[in-house]
Amino acid sequence: MLIPIDQLEKDTLHAVIESFVLREGTDYGDSECSLSDKVEQVHRQLVAGDALLVYSELHETVNIVAREDWSPDVD
């Protein structure tokens, strides 16, 4: 189930994004990014619709996925 980001409190959304960034361990290439920079990048992707906030009823978890990787049939 998709969660509209505007339905979350600002602090809650920030915490979800920060948790995602810390979990993912994403490679940012040759340059290192601060945690706040990574959080801002993911936030911009969510605002632009390039990433989606998804709740899994099956696993009772919230995750962030790339729009192209999301399937409404998979929870």
PDB file of N, CA and C in Angstrom:
ATOM      1  N   MET A   1       0.848  -1.164   0.000  1.00  0.00           N
ATOM      2  CA  MET A   1       0.000   0.000   0.000  1.00  0.00           C
ATOM      3  C   MET A   1       0.900   1.235   0.000  1.00  0.00           C
ATOM      4  N   LEU A   2       0.602   2.163  -0.909  1.00  0.00           N
ATOM      5  CA  LEU A   2       1.368   3.403  -0.970  1.00  0.00           C
ATOM      6  C   LEU A   2       0.946   4.343   0.155  1.00  0.00           C
ATOM      7  N   ILE A   3       1.922   5.027   0.728  1.00  0.00           N
ATOM      8  CA  ILE A   3       1.660   6.025   1.758  1.00  0.00           C
ATOM      9  C   ILE A   3       2.000   7.390   1.168  1.00  0.00           C
ATOM     10  N   PRO A   4       1.010   8.272   1.033  1.00  0.00           N
ATOM     11  CA  PRO A   4       1.318   9.624   0.554  1.00  0.00           C
ATOM     12  C   PRO A   4       2.206  10.338   1.572  1.00  0.00           C
ATOM     13  N   ILE A   5       3.322  10.888   1.110  1.00  0.00           N
ATOM     14  CA  ILE A   5       4.266  11.478   2.053  1.00  0.00           C
ATOM     15  C   ILE A   5       3.690  12.691   2.765  1.00  0.00           C
ATOM     16  N   ASP A   6       2.707  13.349   2.156  1.00  0.00           N
ATOM     17  CA  ASP A   6       2.123  14.522   2.800  1.00  0.00           C
ATOM     18  C   ASP A   6       1.167  14.146   3.934  1.00  0.00           C
ATOM     19  N   GLN A   7       0.947  12.853   4.134  1.00  0.00           N
ATOM     20  CA  GLN A   7       0.083  12.393   5.213  1.00  0.00           C
ATOM     21  C   GLN A   7       0.873  12.107   6.498  1.00  0.00           C
ATOM     22  N   LEU A   8       2.193  12.205   6.408  1.00  0.00           N
ATOM     23  CA  LEU A   8       3.039  11.963   7.573  1.00  0.00           C
ATOM     24  C   LEU A   8       3.517  13.286   8.155  1.00  0.00           C
ATOM     25  N   GLU A   9       3.683  13.298   9.472  1.00  0.00           N
ATOM     26  CA  GLU A   9       4.309  14.441  10.128  1.00  0.00           C
ATOM     27  C   GLU A   9       5.732  14.574   9.585  1.00  0.00           C
ATOM     28  N   LYS A  10       6.222  15.794   9.522  1.00  0.00           N
ATOM     29  CA  LYS A  10       7.562  16.062   8.995  1.00  0.00           C
ATOM     30  C   LYS A  10       8.626  15.238   9.723  1.00  0.00           C
ATOM     31  N   ASP A  11       8.557  15.190  11.054  1.00  0.00           N
ATOM     32  CA  ASP A  11       9.560  14.442  11.832  1.00  0.00           C
ATOM     33  C   ASP A  11       9.464  12.941  11.579  1.00  0.00           C
ATOM     34  N   THR A  12       8.254  12.444  11.398  1.00  0.00           N
ATOM     35  CA  THR A  12       8.058  11.019  11.138  1.00  0.00           C
ATOM     36  C   THR A  12       8.643  10.654   9.782  1.00  0.00           C
ATOM     37  N   LEU A  13       8.352  11.466   8.769  1.00  0.00           N
ATOM     38  CA  LEU A  13       8.900  11.206   7.441  1.00  0.00           C
ATOM     39  C   LEU A  13      10.423  11.248   7.480  1.00  0.00           C
ATOM     40  N   HIS A  14      10.969  12.235   8.170  1.00  0.00           N
ATOM     41  CA  HIS A  14      12.437  12.326   8.286  1.00  0.00           C
ATOM     42  C   HIS A  14      13.003  11.061   8.930  1.00  0.00           C
ATOM     43  N   ALA A  15      12.369  10.575   9.980  1.00  0.00           N
ATOM     44  CA  ALA A  15      12.843   9.373  10.672  1.00  0.00           C
ATOM     45  C   ALA A  15      12.769   8.142   9.763  1.00  0.00           C
ATOM     46  N   VAL A  16      11.707   8.034   8.984  1.00  0.00           N
ATOM     47  CA  VAL A  16      11.573   6.906   8.057  1.00  0.00           C
ATOM     48  C   VAL A  16      12.675   6.957   7.001  1.00  0.00           C
ATOM     49  N   ILE A  17      12.906   8.136   6.446  1.00  0.00           N
ATOM     50  CA  ILE A  17      13.952   8.292   5.430  1.00  0.00           C
ATOM     51  C   ILE A  17      15.321   7.996   6.026  1.00  0.00           C
ATOM     52  N   GLU A  18      15.593   8.535   7.202  1.00  0.00           N
ATOM     53  CA  GLU A  18      16.891   8.304   7.850  1.00  0.00           C
ATOM     54  C   GLU A  18      17.106   6.820   8.114  1.00  0.00           C
ATOM     55  N   SER A  19      16.089   6.137   8.593  1.00  0.00           N
ATOM     56  CA  SER A  19      16.187   4.697   8.843  1.00  0.00           C
ATOM     57  C   SER A  19      16.490   3.951   7.546  1.00  0.00           C
ATOM     58  N   PHE A  20      15.824   4.327   6.473  1.00  0.00           N
ATOM     59  CA  PHE A  20      16.058   3.715   5.166  1.00  0.00           C
ATOM     60  C   PHE A  20      17.505   3.926   4.721  1.00  0.00           C
ATOM     61  N   VAL A  21      17.978   5.149   4.823  1.00  0.00           N
ATOM     62  CA  VAL A  21      19.345   5.471   4.391  1.00  0.00           C
ATOM     63  C   VAL A  21      20.368   4.667   5.200  1.00  0.00           C
ATOM     64  N   LEU A  22      20.165   4.570   6.490  1.00  0.00           N
ATOM     65  CA  LEU A  22      21.102   3.829   7.333  1.00  0.00           C
ATOM     66  C   LEU A  22      21.065   2.327   7.037  1.00  0.00           C
ATOM     67  N   ARG A  23      19.906   1.832   6.675  1.00  0.00           N
ATOM     68  CA  ARG A  23      19.735   0.410   6.354  1.00  0.00           C
ATOM     69  C   ARG A  23      20.337   0.050   5.012  1.00  0.00           C
ATOM     70  N   GLU A  24      20.195   0.935   4.041  1.00  0.00           N
ATOM     71  CA  GLU A  24      20.560   0.620   2.668  1.00  0.00           C
ATOM     72  C   GLU A  24      22.061   0.575   2.412  1.00  0.00           C
ATOM     73  N   GLY A  25      22.825   1.415   3.052  1.00  0.00           N
ATOM     74  CA  GLY A  25      24.269   1.430   2.796  1.00  0.00           C
ATOM     75  C   GLY A  25      24.578   1.715   1.334  1.00  0.00           C
ATOM     76  N   THR A  26      23.879   2.652   0.757  1.00  0.00           N
ATOM     77  CA  THR A  26      24.003   2.971  -0.664  1.00  0.00           C
ATOM     78  C   THR A  26      25.391   3.481  -1.006  1.00  0.00           C
ATOM     79  N   ASP A  27      25.893   3.088  -2.168  1.00  0.00           N
ATOM     80  CA  ASP A  27      27.183   3.559  -2.660  1.00  0.00           C
ATOM     81  C   ASP A  27      26.970   4.866  -3.415  1.00  0.00           C
ATOM     82  N   TYR A  28      27.650   5.911  -2.986  1.00  0.00           N
ATOM     83  CA  TYR A  28      27.508   7.214  -3.611  1.00  0.00           C
ATOM     84  C   TYR A  28      28.711   7.562  -4.485  1.00  0.00           C
ATOM     85  N   GLY A  29      29.449   6.560  -4.922  1.00  0.00           N
ATOM     86  CA  GLY A  29      30.562   6.797  -5.837  1.00  0.00           C
ATOM     87  C   GLY A  29      31.811   7.261  -5.128  1.00  0.00           C
ATOM     88  N   ASP A  30      32.579   8.073  -5.831  1.00  0.00           N
ATOM     89  CA  ASP A  30      33.873   8.516  -5.322  1.00  0.00           C
ATOM     90  C   ASP A  30      33.757   9.485  -4.155  1.00  0.00           C
ATOM     91  N   SER A  31      32.674  10.236  -4.103  1.00  0.00           N
ATOM     92  CA  SER A  31      32.539  11.217  -3.034  1.00  0.00           C
ATOM     93  C   SER A  31      31.633  10.691  -1.928  1.00  0.00           C
ATOM     94  N   GLU A  32      31.995  11.021  -0.725  1.00  0.00           N
ATOM     95  CA  GLU A  32      31.186  10.644   0.429  1.00  0.00           C
ATOM     96  C   GLU A  32      30.127  11.706   0.658  1.00  0.00           C
ATOM     97  N   CYS A  33      28.944  11.283   1.039  1.00  0.00           N
ATOM     98  CA  CYS A  33      27.858  12.198   1.374  1.00  0.00           C
ATOM     99  C   CYS A  33      27.559  12.062   2.857  1.00  0.00           C
ATOM    100  N   SER A  34      27.215  13.165   3.468  1.00  0.00           N
ATOM    101  CA  SER A  34      26.816  13.116   4.873  1.00  0.00           C
ATOM    102  C   SER A  34      25.440  12.471   4.973  1.00  0.00           C
ATOM    103  N   LEU A  35      25.089  12.039   6.169  1.00  0.00           N
ATOM    104  CA  LEU A  35      23.775  11.447   6.399  1.00  0.00           C
ATOM    105  C   LEU A  35      22.681  12.438   6.015  1.00  0.00           C
ATOM    106  N   SER A  36      22.849  13.695   6.394  1.00  0.00           N
ATOM    107  CA  SER A  36      21.824  14.685   6.075  1.00  0.00           C
ATOM    108  C   SER A  36      21.694  14.891   4.563  1.00  0.00           C
ATOM    109  N   ASP A  37      22.804  14.821   3.828  1.00  0.00           N
ATOM    110  CA  ASP A  37      22.744  14.933   2.366  1.00  0.00           C
ATOM    111  C   ASP A  37      22.001  13.747   1.758  1.00  0.00           C
ATOM    112  N   LYS A  38      22.281  12.551   2.264  1.00  0.00           N
ATOM    113  CA  LYS A  38      21.606  11.348   1.766  1.00  0.00           C
ATOM    114  C   LYS A  38      20.107  11.416   2.053  1.00  0.00           C
ATOM    115  N   VAL A  39      19.752  11.856   3.257  1.00  0.00           N
ATOM    116  CA  VAL A  39      18.339  11.985   3.626  1.00  0.00           C
ATOM    117  C   VAL A  39      17.656  12.988   2.706  1.00  0.00           C
ATOM    118  N   GLU A  40      18.314  14.101   2.427  1.00  0.00           N
ATOM    119  CA  GLU A  40      17.742  15.116   1.543  1.00  0.00           C
ATOM    120  C   GLU A  40      17.563  14.581   0.126  1.00  0.00           C
ATOM    121  N   GLN A  41      18.519  13.800  -0.357  1.00  0.00           N
ATOM    122  CA  GLN A  41      18.408  13.219  -1.694  1.00  0.00           C
ATOM    123  C   GLN A  41      17.191  12.297  -1.793  1.00  0.00           C
ATOM    124  N   VAL A  42      17.007  11.459  -0.791  1.00  0.00           N
ATOM    125  CA  VAL A  42      15.861  10.537  -0.789  1.00  0.00           C
ATOM    126  C   VAL A  42      14.566  11.332  -0.663  1.00  0.00           C
ATOM    127  N   HIS A  43      14.563  12.362   0.165  1.00  0.00           N
ATOM    128  CA  HIS A  43      13.368  13.200   0.310  1.00  0.00           C
ATOM    129  C   HIS A  43      12.994  13.827  -1.036  1.00  0.00           C
ATOM    130  N   ARG A  44      13.971  14.332  -1.751  1.00  0.00           N
ATOM    131  CA  ARG A  44      13.702  14.922  -3.068  1.00  0.00           C
ATOM    132  C   ARG A  44      13.138  13.879  -4.034  1.00  0.00           C
ATOM    133  N   GLN A  45      13.645  12.655  -3.966  1.00  0.00           N
ATOM    134  CA  GLN A  45      13.131  11.585  -4.832  1.00  0.00           C
ATOM    135  C   GLN A  45      11.679  11.259  -4.489  1.00  0.00           C
ATOM    136  N   LEU A  46      11.351  11.279  -3.205  1.00  0.00           N
ATOM    137  CA  LEU A  46       9.966  11.031  -2.788  1.00  0.00           C
ATOM    138  C   LEU A  46       9.044  12.150  -3.267  1.00  0.00           C
ATOM    139  N   VAL A  47       9.479  13.386  -3.110  1.00  0.00           N
ATOM    140  CA  VAL A  47       8.675  14.540  -3.540  1.00  0.00           C
ATOM    141  C   VAL A  47       8.459  14.503  -5.051  1.00  0.00           C
ATOM    142  N   ALA A  48       9.493  14.137  -5.787  1.00  0.00           N
ATOM    143  CA  ALA A  48       9.407  14.099  -7.255  1.00  0.00           C
ATOM    144  C   ALA A  48       8.622  12.892  -7.759  1.00  0.00           C
ATOM    145  N   GLY A  49       8.391  11.917  -6.891  1.00  0.00           N
ATOM    146  CA  GLY A  49       7.683  10.713  -7.317  1.00  0.00           C
ATOM    147  C   GLY A  49       8.586   9.649  -7.908  1.00  0.00           C
ATOM    148  N   ASP A  50       9.895   9.879  -7.849  1.00  0.00           N
ATOM    149  CA  ASP A  50      10.844   8.885  -8.355  1.00  0.00           C
ATOM    150  C   ASP A  50      11.013   7.728  -7.380  1.00  0.00           C
ATOM    151  N   ALA A  51      10.685   7.962  -6.125  1.00  0.00           N
ATOM    152  CA  ALA A  51      10.707   6.931  -5.077  1.00  0.00           C
ATOM    153  C   ALA A  51       9.344   6.973  -4.380  1.00  0.00           C
ATOM    154  N   LEU A  52       8.959   5.843  -3.840  1.00  0.00           N
ATOM    155  CA  LEU A  52       7.653   5.726  -3.199  1.00  0.00           C
ATOM    156  C   LEU A  52       7.792   5.178  -1.789  1.00  0.00           C
ATOM    157  N   LEU A  53       6.917   5.640  -0.914  1.00  0.00           N
ATOM    158  CA  LEU A  53       6.853   5.147   0.451  1.00  0.00           C
ATOM    159  C   LEU A  53       5.777   4.059   0.472  1.00  0.00           C
ATOM    160  N   VAL A  54       6.174   2.841   0.843  1.00  0.00           N
ATOM    161  CA  VAL A  54       5.288   1.689   0.738  1.00  0.00           C
ATOM    162  C   VAL A  54       5.167   0.987   2.085  1.00  0.00           C
ATOM    163  N   TYR A  55       3.927   0.685   2.472  1.00  0.00           N
ATOM    164  CA  TYR A  55       3.673  -0.088   3.687  1.00  0.00           C
ATOM    165  C   TYR A  55       3.324  -1.510   3.280  1.00  0.00           C
ATOM    166  N   SER A  56       3.980  -2.482   3.901  1.00  0.00           N
ATOM    167  CA  SER A  56       3.687  -3.896   3.662  1.00  0.00           C
ATOM    168  C   SER A  56       2.812  -4.414   4.799  1.00  0.00           C
ATOM    169  N   GLU A  57       1.575  -4.743   4.465  1.00  0.00           N
ATOM    170  CA  GLU A  57       0.679  -5.316   5.473  1.00  0.00           C
ATOM    171  C   GLU A  57       1.179  -6.683   5.897  1.00  0.00           C
ATOM    172  N   LEU A  58       1.737  -7.436   4.962  1.00  0.00           N
ATOM    173  CA  LEU A  58       2.243  -8.763   5.247  1.00  0.00           C
ATOM    174  C   LEU A  58       3.357  -8.725   6.287  1.00  0.00           C
ATOM    175  N   HIS A  59       4.307  -7.809   6.101  1.00  0.00           N
ATOM    176  CA  HIS A  59       5.471  -7.725   6.984  1.00  0.00           C
ATOM    177  C   HIS A  59       5.337  -6.640   8.048  1.00  0.00           C
ATOM    178  N   GLU A  60       4.285  -5.827   7.934  1.00  0.00           N
ATOM    179  CA  GLU A  60       4.054  -4.704   8.849  1.00  0.00           C
ATOM    180  C   GLU A  60       5.281  -3.799   8.921  1.00  0.00           C
ATOM    181  N   THR A  61       5.776  -3.440   7.725  1.00  0.00           N
ATOM    182  CA  THR A  61       6.958  -2.586   7.622  1.00  0.00           C
ATOM    183  C   THR A  61       6.707  -1.472   6.617  1.00  0.00           C
ATOM    184  N   VAL A  62       7.498  -0.424   6.739  1.00  0.00           N
ATOM    185  CA  VAL A  62       7.485   0.682   5.783  1.00  0.00           C
ATOM    186  C   VAL A  62       8.828   0.672   5.073  1.00  0.00           C
ATOM    187  N   ASN A  63       8.788   0.862   3.756  1.00  0.00           N
ATOM    188  CA  ASN A  63      10.022   0.875   2.991  1.00  0.00           C
ATOM    189  C   ASN A  63       9.925   1.946   1.909  1.00  0.00           C
ATOM    190  N   ILE A  64      11.055   2.299   1.366  1.00  0.00           N
ATOM    191  CA  ILE A  64      11.125   3.239   0.251  1.00  0.00           C
ATOM    192  C   ILE A  64      11.657   2.460  -0.938  1.00  0.00           C
ATOM    193  N   VAL A  65      10.932   2.558  -2.047  1.00  0.00           N
ATOM    194  CA  VAL A  65      11.338   1.833  -3.249  1.00  0.00           C
ATOM    195  C   VAL A  65      11.338   2.780  -4.441  1.00  0.00           C
ATOM    196  N   ALA A  66      12.182   2.471  -5.402  1.00  0.00           N
ATOM    197  CA  ALA A  66      12.181   3.229  -6.656  1.00  0.00           C
ATOM    198  C   ALA A  66      10.860   2.968  -7.370  1.00  0.00           C
ATOM    199  N   ARG A  67      10.309   4.006  -7.976  1.00  0.00           N
ATOM    200  CA  ARG A  67       9.020   3.866  -8.667  1.00  0.00           C
ATOM    201  C   ARG A  67       9.044   2.694  -9.642  1.00  0.00           C
ATOM    202  N   GLU A  68      10.130   2.558 -10.404  1.00  0.00           N
ATOM    203  CA  GLU A  68      10.182   1.491 -11.410  1.00  0.00           C
ATOM    204  C   GLU A  68      10.272   0.095 -10.795  1.00  0.00           C
ATOM    205  N   ASP A  69      10.634   0.001  -9.526  1.00  0.00           N
ATOM    206  CA  ASP A  69      10.737  -1.300  -8.856  1.00  0.00           C
ATOM    207  C   ASP A  69       9.464  -1.692  -8.115  1.00  0.00           C
ATOM    208  N   TRP A  70       8.514  -0.773  -8.006  1.00  0.00           N
ATOM    209  CA  TRP A  70       7.307  -1.043  -7.223  1.00  0.00           C
ATOM    210  C   TRP A  70       6.242  -1.716  -8.081  1.00  0.00           C
ATOM    211  N   SER A  71       5.648  -2.735  -7.502  1.00  0.00           N
ATOM    212  CA  SER A  71       4.527  -3.409  -8.148  1.00  0.00           C
ATOM    213  C   SER A  71       3.378  -3.441  -7.145  1.00  0.00           C
ATOM    214  N   PRO A  72       2.199  -2.935  -7.521  1.00  0.00           N
ATOM    215  CA  PRO A  72       1.075  -2.924  -6.587  1.00  0.00           C
ATOM    216  C   PRO A  72       0.610  -4.319  -6.213  1.00  0.00           C
ATOM    217  N   ASP A  73       1.009  -5.332  -6.985  1.00  0.00           N
ATOM    218  CA  ASP A  73       0.588  -6.699  -6.699  1.00  0.00           C
ATOM    219  C   ASP A  73       1.454  -7.363  -5.647  1.00  0.00           C
ATOM    220  N   VAL A  74       2.642  -6.809  -5.395  1.00  0.00           N
ATOM    221  CA  VAL A  74       3.574  -7.392  -4.441  1.00  0.00           C
ATOM    222  C   VAL A  74       3.550  -6.561  -3.179  1.00  0.00           C
ATOM    223  N   ASP A  75       3.350  -7.218  -2.056  1.00  0.00           N
ATOM    224  CA  ASP A  75       3.304  -6.506  -0.774  1.00  0.00           C
ATOM    225  C   ASP A  75       4.548  -6.775   0.011  1.00  0.00           C
TER     226      ASP A  75
END
